[in-house]
């Protein structure tokens, strides 16, 4: 079963960037494109900032009981394996 999450943000240059993260089986696939691009860029090694934002998106869905915690934990592991971290709020630290 596919598990897809999408978010948009502006780059430092002011361009709109759309990111899609899709989980199929146990593997995450992340792709992104700028508004003016015709094709998607697929990342073997996603940007750390994209992983951190994916974790935020997943955490919000988990809190609304729309997602299993295992998905959040898998992305947290990917972030930690890359030497990154994310900010925890009081609610997240309780888990």
Foldseek 3Di string as FASTA:
>chain_A
DKDKDKDWDADPVRWIKIKMWIDDPNDIWIWMDTPPDPDIDTDPQDDLVVLQVVLVVQVVCVVVVNDDCVVSVSSQVSNVVVVHHYDDDPVRVVD
